[in-house]
PDB file of all heavy atoms in Angstrom:
ATOM      1  N   MET A   1      -8.694 -29.612 -25.467  1.00  0.00           N
ATOM      2  CA  MET A   1      -7.828 -30.651 -26.037  1.00  0.00           C
ATOM      3  C   MET A   1      -6.352 -30.292 -25.838  1.00  0.00           C
ATOM      4  O   MET A   1      -5.520 -30.440 -26.740  1.00  0.00           O
ATOM      5  CB  MET A   1      -8.150 -30.861 -27.520  1.00  0.00           C
ATOM      6  CG  MET A   1      -9.544 -31.429 -27.743  1.00  0.00           C
ATOM      7  SD  MET A   1      -9.900 -31.837 -29.459  1.00  0.00           S
ATOM      8  CE  MET A   1      -9.921 -30.199 -30.195  1.00  0.00           C
ATOM      9  N   GLY A   2      -6.037 -29.777 -24.654  1.00  0.00           N
ATOM     10  CA  GLY A   2      -4.663 -29.472 -24.306  1.00  0.00           C
ATOM     11  C   GLY A   2      -4.166 -28.116 -24.755  1.00  0.00           C
ATOM     12  O   GLY A   2      -3.067 -27.695 -24.368  1.00  0.00           O
ATOM     13  N   GLU A   3      -4.941 -27.414 -25.574  1.00  0.00           N
ATOM     14  CA  GLU A   3      -4.522 -26.094 -26.070  1.00  0.00           C
ATOM     15  C   GLU A   3      -4.988 -25.006 -25.107  1.00  0.00           C
ATOM     16  O   GLU A   3      -6.181 -24.935 -24.784  1.00  0.00           O
ATOM     17  CB  GLU A   3      -5.126 -25.823 -27.454  1.00  0.00           C
ATOM     18  CG  GLU A   3      -4.780 -24.442 -27.995  1.00  0.00           C
ATOM     19  CD  GLU A   3      -5.569 -24.091 -29.250  1.00  0.00           C
ATOM     20  OE1 GLU A   3      -6.367 -24.936 -29.702  1.00  0.00           O
ATOM     21  OE2 GLU A   3      -5.399 -22.969 -29.751  1.00  0.00           O
ATOM     22  N   PRO A   4      -4.094 -24.130 -24.665  1.00  0.00           N
ATOM     23  CA  PRO A   4      -4.524 -23.035 -23.786  1.00  0.00           C
ATOM     24  C   PRO A   4      -5.283 -21.969 -24.561  1.00  0.00           C
ATOM     25  O   PRO A   4      -4.788 -21.452 -25.568  1.00  0.00           O
ATOM     26  CB  PRO A   4      -3.198 -22.491 -23.232  1.00  0.00           C
ATOM     27  CG  PRO A   4      -2.175 -22.826 -24.272  1.00  0.00           C
ATOM     28  CD  PRO A   4      -2.631 -24.124 -24.890  1.00  0.00           C
ATOM     29  N   LEU A   5      -6.489 -21.681 -24.096  1.00  0.00           N
ATOM     30  CA  LEU A   5      -7.316 -20.642 -24.720  1.00  0.00           C
ATOM     31  C   LEU A   5      -7.267 -19.333 -23.940  1.00  0.00           C
ATOM     32  O   LEU A   5      -7.310 -18.257 -24.535  1.00  0.00           O
ATOM     33  CB  LEU A   5      -8.774 -21.112 -24.809  1.00  0.00           C
ATOM     34  CG  LEU A   5      -9.047 -22.435 -25.524  1.00  0.00           C
ATOM     35  CD1 LEU A   5     -10.542 -22.739 -25.492  1.00  0.00           C
ATOM     36  CD2 LEU A   5      -8.547 -22.380 -26.968  1.00  0.00           C
ATOM     37  N   VAL A   6      -7.205 -19.450 -22.628  1.00  0.00           N
ATOM     38  CA  VAL A   6      -7.264 -18.283 -21.742  1.00  0.00           C
ATOM     39  C   VAL A   6      -6.360 -18.539 -20.541  1.00  0.00           C
ATOM     40  O   VAL A   6      -6.278 -19.667 -20.049  1.00  0.00           O
ATOM     41  CB  VAL A   6      -8.707 -18.022 -21.232  1.00  0.00           C
ATOM     42  CG1 VAL A   6      -8.761 -16.751 -20.393  1.00  0.00           C
ATOM     43  CG2 VAL A   6      -9.689 -17.937 -22.386  1.00  0.00           C
ATOM     44  N   PHE A   7      -5.694 -17.489 -20.075  1.00  0.00           N
ATOM     45  CA  PHE A   7      -4.972 -17.536 -18.812  1.00  0.00           C
ATOM     46  C   PHE A   7      -5.402 -16.362 -17.935  1.00  0.00           C
ATOM     47  O   PHE A   7      -5.626 -15.255 -18.422  1.00  0.00           O
ATOM     48  CB  PHE A   7      -3.449 -17.440 -19.016  1.00  0.00           C
ATOM     49  CG  PHE A   7      -2.779 -18.728 -19.382  1.00  0.00           C
ATOM     50  CD1 PHE A   7      -2.101 -18.852 -20.596  1.00  0.00           C
ATOM     51  CD2 PHE A   7      -2.789 -19.804 -18.514  1.00  0.00           C
ATOM     52  CE1 PHE A   7      -1.463 -20.027 -20.931  1.00  0.00           C
ATOM     53  CE2 PHE A   7      -2.159 -20.993 -18.845  1.00  0.00           C
ATOM     54  CZ  PHE A   7      -1.487 -21.102 -20.060  1.00  0.00           C
ATOM     55  N   HIS A   8      -5.508 -16.611 -16.636  1.00  0.00           N
ATOM     56  CA  HIS A   8      -5.676 -15.573 -15.620  1.00  0.00           C
ATOM     57  C   HIS A   8      -4.595 -15.753 -14.571  1.00  0.00           C
ATOM     58  O   HIS A   8      -4.145 -16.869 -14.322  1.00  0.00           O
ATOM     59  CB  HIS A   8      -7.036 -15.686 -14.908  1.00  0.00           C
ATOM     60  CG  HIS A   8      -8.221 -15.572 -15.794  1.00  0.00           C
ATOM     61  ND1 HIS A   8      -9.455 -16.098 -15.459  1.00  0.00           N
ATOM     62  CD2 HIS A   8      -8.383 -14.984 -17.010  1.00  0.00           C
ATOM     63  CE1 HIS A   8     -10.322 -15.844 -16.416  1.00  0.00           C
ATOM     64  NE2 HIS A   8      -9.694 -15.180 -17.378  1.00  0.00           N
ATOM     65  N   SER A   9      -4.194 -14.658 -13.944  1.00  0.00           N
ATOM     66  CA  SER A   9      -3.361 -14.765 -12.745  1.00  0.00           C
ATOM     67  C   SER A   9      -3.967 -13.901 -11.657  1.00  0.00           C
ATOM     68  O   SER A   9      -4.639 -12.893 -11.935  1.00  0.00           O
ATOM     69  CB  SER A   9      -1.914 -14.353 -13.022  1.00  0.00           C
ATOM     70  OG  SER A   9      -1.808 -12.961 -13.254  1.00  0.00           O
ATOM     71  N   TYR A  10      -3.739 -14.316 -10.407  1.00  0.00           N
ATOM     72  CA  TYR A  10      -4.313 -13.627  -9.247  1.00  0.00           C
ATOM     73  C   TYR A  10      -3.259 -13.458  -8.168  1.00  0.00           C
ATOM     74  O   TYR A  10      -2.439 -14.359  -7.934  1.00  0.00           O
ATOM     75  CB  TYR A  10      -5.475 -14.435  -8.652  1.00  0.00           C
ATOM     76  CG  TYR A  10      -6.667 -14.545  -9.560  1.00  0.00           C
ATOM     77  CD1 TYR A  10      -6.768 -15.592 -10.475  1.00  0.00           C
ATOM     78  CD2 TYR A  10      -7.690 -13.598  -9.510  1.00  0.00           C
ATOM     79  CE1 TYR A  10      -7.861 -15.700 -11.318  1.00  0.00           C
ATOM     80  CE2 TYR A  10      -8.793 -13.704 -10.355  1.00  0.00           C
ATOM     81  CZ  TYR A  10      -8.865 -14.742 -11.258  1.00  0.00           C
ATOM     82  OH  TYR A  10      -9.949 -14.838 -12.100  1.00  0.00           O
ATOM     83  N   ILE A  11      -3.299 -12.302  -7.502  1.00  0.00           N
ATOM     84  CA  ILE A  11      -2.582 -12.114  -6.253  1.00  0.00           C
ATOM     85  C   ILE A  11      -3.581 -12.428  -5.139  1.00  0.00           C
ATOM     86  O   ILE A  11      -4.706 -11.918  -5.161  1.00  0.00           O
ATOM     87  CB  ILE A  11      -2.059 -10.671  -6.106  1.00  0.00           C
ATOM     88  CG1 ILE A  11      -1.196 -10.297  -7.316  1.00  0.00           C
ATOM     89  CG2 ILE A  11      -1.275 -10.529  -4.808  1.00  0.00           C
ATOM     90  CD1 ILE A  11       0.025 -11.134  -7.518  1.00  0.00           C
ATOM     91  N   PHE A  12      -3.193 -13.265  -4.181  1.00  0.00           N
ATOM     92  CA  PHE A  12      -4.153 -13.641  -3.151  1.00  0.00           C
ATOM     93  C   PHE A  12      -3.519 -13.597  -1.763  1.00  0.00           C
ATOM     94  O   PHE A  12      -2.314 -13.823  -1.594  1.00  0.00           O
ATOM     95  CB  PHE A  12      -4.732 -15.042  -3.421  1.00  0.00           C
ATOM     96  CG  PHE A  12      -3.740 -16.159  -3.321  1.00  0.00           C
ATOM     97  CD1 PHE A  12      -3.556 -16.846  -2.129  1.00  0.00           C
ATOM     98  CD2 PHE A  12      -2.978 -16.543  -4.426  1.00  0.00           C
ATOM     99  CE1 PHE A  12      -2.645 -17.886  -2.035  1.00  0.00           C
ATOM    100  CE2 PHE A  12      -2.057 -17.577  -4.344  1.00  0.00           C
ATOM    101  CZ  PHE A  12      -1.897 -18.256  -3.141  1.00  0.00           C
ATOM    102  N   GLY A  13      -4.358 -13.260  -0.793  1.00  0.00           N
ATOM    103  CA  GLY A  13      -3.968 -13.284   0.606  1.00  0.00           C
ATOM    104  C   GLY A  13      -4.825 -14.275   1.358  1.00  0.00           C
ATOM    105  O   GLY A  13      -5.386 -15.209   0.774  1.00  0.00           O
ATOM    106  N   GLU A  14      -4.995 -14.052   2.647  1.00  0.00           N
ATOM    107  CA  GLU A  14      -5.748 -14.991   3.474  1.00  0.00           C
ATOM    108  C   GLU A  14      -7.237 -14.965   3.164  1.00  0.00           C
ATOM    109  O   GLU A  14      -7.891 -16.015   3.114  1.00  0.00           O
ATOM    110  CB  GLU A  14      -5.525 -14.676   4.953  1.00  0.00           C
ATOM    111  CG  GLU A  14      -6.190 -15.674   5.896  1.00  0.00           C
ATOM    112  CD  GLU A  14      -5.911 -15.375   7.347  1.00  0.00           C
ATOM    113  OE1 GLU A  14      -5.110 -14.447   7.630  1.00  0.00           O
ATOM    114  OE2 GLU A  14      -6.488 -16.063   8.207  1.00  0.00           O
ATOM    115  N   LYS A  15      -7.793 -13.767   2.930  1.00  0.00           N
ATOM    116  CA  LYS A  15      -9.235 -13.638   2.737  1.00  0.00           C
ATOM    117  C   LYS A  15      -9.629 -12.899   1.455  1.00  0.00           C
ATOM    118  O   LYS A  15     -10.805 -12.814   1.139  1.00  0.00           O
ATOM    119  CB  LYS A  15      -9.859 -12.904   3.928  1.00  0.00           C
ATOM    120  CG  LYS A  15      -9.722 -13.650   5.254  1.00  0.00           C
ATOM    121  CD  LYS A  15     -10.440 -14.992   5.228  1.00  0.00           C
ATOM    122  CE  LYS A  15     -10.295 -15.726   6.553  1.00  0.00           C
ATOM    123  NZ  LYS A  15     -10.939 -17.069   6.512  1.00  0.00           N
ATOM    124  N   ARG A  16      -8.654 -12.347   0.725  1.00  0.00           N
ATOM    125  CA  ARG A  16      -8.969 -11.580  -0.474  1.00  0.00           C
ATOM    126  C   ARG A  16      -8.055 -11.970  -1.628  1.00  0.00           C
ATOM    127  O   ARG A  16      -6.923 -12.392  -1.423  1.00  0.00           O
ATOM    128  CB  ARG A  16      -8.828 -10.076  -0.197  1.00  0.00           C
ATOM    129  CG  ARG A  16      -9.944  -9.528   0.677  1.00  0.00           C
ATOM    130  CD  ARG A  16      -9.810  -8.019   0.832  1.00  0.00           C
ATOM    131  NE  ARG A  16      -8.727  -7.671   1.744  1.00  0.00           N
ATOM    132  CZ  ARG A  16      -8.323  -6.420   1.987  1.00  0.00           C
ATOM    133  NH1 ARG A  16      -8.908  -5.414   1.351  1.00  0.00           N
ATOM    134  NH2 ARG A  16      -7.348  -6.185   2.843  1.00  0.00           N
ATOM    135  N   CYS A  17      -8.570 -11.800  -2.833  1.00  0.00           N
ATOM    136  CA  CYS A  17      -7.757 -12.006  -4.027  1.00  0.00           C
ATOM    137  C   CYS A  17      -8.077 -10.901  -5.028  1.00  0.00           C
ATOM    138  O   CYS A  17      -9.136 -10.276  -4.980  1.00  0.00           O
ATOM    139  CB  CYS A  17      -8.004 -13.380  -4.648  1.00  0.00           C
ATOM    140  SG  CYS A  17      -9.653 -13.589  -5.367  1.00  0.00           S
ATOM    141  N   ARG A  18      -7.122 -10.660  -5.932  1.00  0.00           N
ATOM    142  CA  ARG A  18      -7.312  -9.624  -6.943  1.00  0.00           C
ATOM    143  C   ARG A  18      -6.804 -10.140  -8.278  1.00  0.00           C
ATOM    144  O   ARG A  18      -5.697 -10.676  -8.369  1.00  0.00           O
ATOM    145  CB  ARG A  18      -6.565  -8.349  -6.561  1.00  0.00           C
ATOM    146  CG  ARG A  18      -6.787  -7.205  -7.549  1.00  0.00           C
ATOM    147  CD  ARG A  18      -6.088  -5.929  -7.092  1.00  0.00           C
ATOM    148  NE  ARG A  18      -6.321  -4.841  -8.023  1.00  0.00           N
ATOM    149  CZ  ARG A  18      -5.772  -3.620  -7.896  1.00  0.00           C
ATOM    150  NH1 ARG A  18      -4.981  -3.355  -6.869  1.00  0.00           N
ATOM    151  NH2 ARG A  18      -6.013  -2.684  -8.785  1.00  0.00           N
ATOM    152  N   LEU A  19      -7.631  -9.997  -9.313  1.00  0.00           N
ATOM    153  CA  LEU A  19      -7.212 -10.355 -10.670  1.00  0.00           C
ATOM    154  C   LEU A  19      -5.999  -9.516 -11.045  1.00  0.00           C
ATOM    155  O   LEU A  19      -6.021  -8.286 -10.961  1.00  0.00           O
ATOM    156  CB  LEU A  19      -8.363 -10.119 -11.647  1.00  0.00           C
ATOM    157  CG  LEU A  19      -8.073 -10.412 -13.119  1.00  0.00           C
ATOM    158  CD1 LEU A  19      -7.755 -11.884 -13.335  1.00  0.00           C
ATOM    159  CD2 LEU A  19      -9.273  -9.991 -13.977  1.00  0.00           C
ATOM    160  N   PHE A  20      -4.939 -10.173 -11.474  1.00  0.00           N
ATOM    161  CA  PHE A  20      -3.675  -9.503 -11.766  1.00  0.00           C
ATOM    162  C   PHE A  20      -3.450  -9.385 -13.269  1.00  0.00           C
ATOM    163  O   PHE A  20      -3.123  -8.316 -13.785  1.00  0.00           O
ATOM    164  CB  PHE A  20      -2.552 -10.288 -11.089  1.00  0.00           C
ATOM    165  CG  PHE A  20      -1.201  -9.657 -11.164  1.00  0.00           C
ATOM    166  CD1 PHE A  20      -0.999  -8.331 -10.829  1.00  0.00           C
ATOM    167  CD2 PHE A  20      -0.096 -10.420 -11.554  1.00  0.00           C
ATOM    168  CE1 PHE A  20       0.263  -7.759 -10.881  1.00  0.00           C
ATOM    169  CE2 PHE A  20       1.165  -9.859 -11.600  1.00  0.00           C
ATOM    170  CZ  PHE A  20       1.354  -8.528 -11.272  1.00  0.00           C
ATOM    171  N   GLN A  21      -3.627 -10.499 -13.997  1.00  0.00           N
ATOM    172  CA  GLN A  21      -3.415 -10.519 -15.450  1.00  0.00           C
ATOM    173  C   GLN A  21      -4.481 -11.403 -16.101  1.00  0.00           C
ATOM    174  O   GLN A  21      -4.951 -12.360 -15.492  1.00  0.00           O
ATOM    175  CB  GLN A  21      -2.029 -11.082 -15.785  1.00  0.00           C
ATOM    176  CG  GLN A  21      -0.877 -10.314 -15.187  1.00  0.00           C
ATOM    177  CD  GLN A  21       0.381 -11.152 -15.125  1.00  0.00           C
ATOM    178  OE1 GLN A  21       0.334 -12.348 -14.832  1.00  0.00           O
ATOM    179  NE2 GLN A  21       1.520 -10.537 -15.388  1.00  0.00           N
ATOM    180  N   SER A  22      -4.815 -11.073 -17.337  1.00  0.00           N
ATOM    181  CA  SER A  22      -5.774 -11.884 -18.084  1.00  0.00           C
ATOM    182  C   SER A  22      -5.432 -11.783 -19.566  1.00  0.00           C
ATOM    183  O   SER A  22      -5.143 -10.696 -20.067  1.00  0.00           O
ATOM    184  CB  SER A  22      -7.204 -11.400 -17.833  1.00  0.00           C
ATOM    185  OG  SER A  22      -8.136 -12.138 -18.604  1.00  0.00           O
ATOM    186  N   CYS A  23      -5.462 -12.918 -20.258  1.00  0.00           N
ATOM    187  CA  CYS A  23      -5.190 -12.890 -21.698  1.00  0.00           C
ATOM    188  C   CYS A  23      -5.882 -14.069 -22.366  1.00  0.00           C
ATOM    189  O   CYS A  23      -6.168 -15.090 -21.744  1.00  0.00           O
ATOM    190  CB  CYS A  23      -3.688 -12.928 -21.968  1.00  0.00           C
ATOM    191  SG  CYS A  23      -2.824 -14.341 -21.253  1.00  0.00           S
ATOM    192  N   SER A  24      -6.157 -13.904 -23.661  1.00  0.00           N
ATOM    193  CA  SER A  24      -6.828 -14.954 -24.432  1.00  0.00           C
ATOM    194  C   SER A  24      -6.282 -14.969 -25.851  1.00  0.00           C
ATOM    195  O   SER A  24      -5.605 -14.044 -26.285  1.00  0.00           O
ATOM    196  CB  SER A  24      -8.340 -14.735 -24.427  1.00  0.00           C
ATOM    197  OG  SER A  24      -8.656 -13.414 -24.824  1.00  0.00           O
ATOM    198  N   SER A  25      -6.621 -16.030 -26.599  1.00  0.00           N
ATOM    199  CA  SER A  25      -5.906 -16.325 -27.843  1.00  0.00           C
ATOM    200  C   SER A  25      -6.678 -16.057 -29.122  1.00  0.00           C
ATOM    201  O   SER A  25      -6.241 -16.463 -30.182  1.00  0.00           O
ATOM    202  CB  SER A  25      -5.491 -17.805 -27.835  1.00  0.00           C
ATOM    203  OG  SER A  25      -6.640 -18.636 -27.903  1.00  0.00           O
ATOM    204  N   PHE A  26      -7.808 -15.345 -29.052  1.00  0.00           N
ATOM    205  CA  PHE A  26      -8.708 -15.348 -30.198  1.00  0.00           C
ATOM    206  C   PHE A  26      -8.563 -14.182 -31.168  1.00  0.00           C
ATOM    207  O   PHE A  26      -9.355 -14.038 -32.096  1.00  0.00           O
ATOM    208  CB  PHE A  26     -10.164 -15.395 -29.720  1.00  0.00           C
ATOM    209  CG  PHE A  26     -10.587 -14.193 -28.909  1.00  0.00           C
ATOM    210  CD1 PHE A  26     -11.084 -13.065 -29.518  1.00  0.00           C
ATOM    211  CD2 PHE A  26     -10.503 -14.211 -27.525  1.00  0.00           C
ATOM    212  CE1 PHE A  26     -11.488 -11.975 -28.761  1.00  0.00           C
ATOM    213  CE2 PHE A  26     -10.904 -13.130 -26.766  1.00  0.00           C
ATOM    214  CZ  PHE A  26     -11.401 -12.005 -27.384  1.00  0.00           C
ATOM    215  N   ARG A  27      -7.604 -13.334 -31.054  1.00  0.00           N
ATOM    216  CA  ARG A  27      -7.621 -12.073 -31.790  1.00  0.00           C
ATOM    217  C   ARG A  27      -7.618 -12.231 -33.305  1.00  0.00           C
ATOM    218  O   ARG A  27      -8.305 -11.516 -34.003  1.00  0.00           O
ATOM    219  CB  ARG A  27      -6.434 -11.210 -31.348  1.00  0.00           C
ATOM    220  CG  ARG A  27      -6.429 -10.913 -29.850  1.00  0.00           C
ATOM    221  CD  ARG A  27      -7.662 -10.155 -29.407  1.00  0.00           C
ATOM    222  NE  ARG A  27      -7.935 -10.378 -27.991  1.00  0.00           N
ATOM    223  CZ  ARG A  27      -8.980  -9.886 -27.364  1.00  0.00           C
ATOM    224  NH1 ARG A  27      -9.874  -9.171 -28.002  1.00  0.00           N
ATOM    225  NH2 ARG A  27      -9.168 -10.142 -26.087  1.00  0.00           N
ATOM    226  N   ASP A  28      -6.813 -13.152 -33.836  1.00  0.00           N
ATOM    227  CA  ASP A  28      -6.672 -13.262 -35.294  1.00  0.00           C
ATOM    228  C   ASP A  28      -7.477 -14.416 -35.897  1.00  0.00           C
ATOM    229  O   ASP A  28      -7.316 -14.729 -37.071  1.00  0.00           O
ATOM    230  CB  ASP A  28      -5.193 -13.458 -35.661  1.00  0.00           C
ATOM    231  CG  ASP A  28      -4.413 -12.154 -35.564  1.00  0.00           C
ATOM    232  OD1 ASP A  28      -5.036 -11.092 -35.660  1.00  0.00           O
ATOM    233  OD2 ASP A  28      -3.184 -12.216 -35.372  1.00  0.00           O
ATOM    234  N   GLU A  29      -8.354 -15.021 -35.096  1.00  0.00           N
ATOM    235  CA  GLU A  29      -9.041 -16.219 -35.559  1.00  0.00           C
ATOM    236  C   GLU A  29     -10.435 -15.892 -36.120  1.00  0.00           C
ATOM    237  O   GLU A  29     -10.906 -14.764 -36.066  1.00  0.00           O
ATOM    238  CB  GLU A  29      -9.166 -17.222 -34.407  1.00  0.00           C
ATOM    239  CG  GLU A  29      -7.838 -17.597 -33.766  1.00  0.00           C
ATOM    240  CD  GLU A  29      -6.931 -18.368 -34.702  1.00  0.00           C
ATOM    241  OE1 GLU A  29      -7.448 -18.953 -35.680  1.00  0.00           O
ATOM    242  OE2 GLU A  29      -5.714 -18.400 -34.470  1.00  0.00           O
TER     243      GLU A  29
END
């Protein structure tokens, strides 16, 4: 419903990608 729950970021090239960052919002809930 428009609220961000999780974000990922990736570094990517022509044939490979690597997870760079990951975060989520559930710690205090």
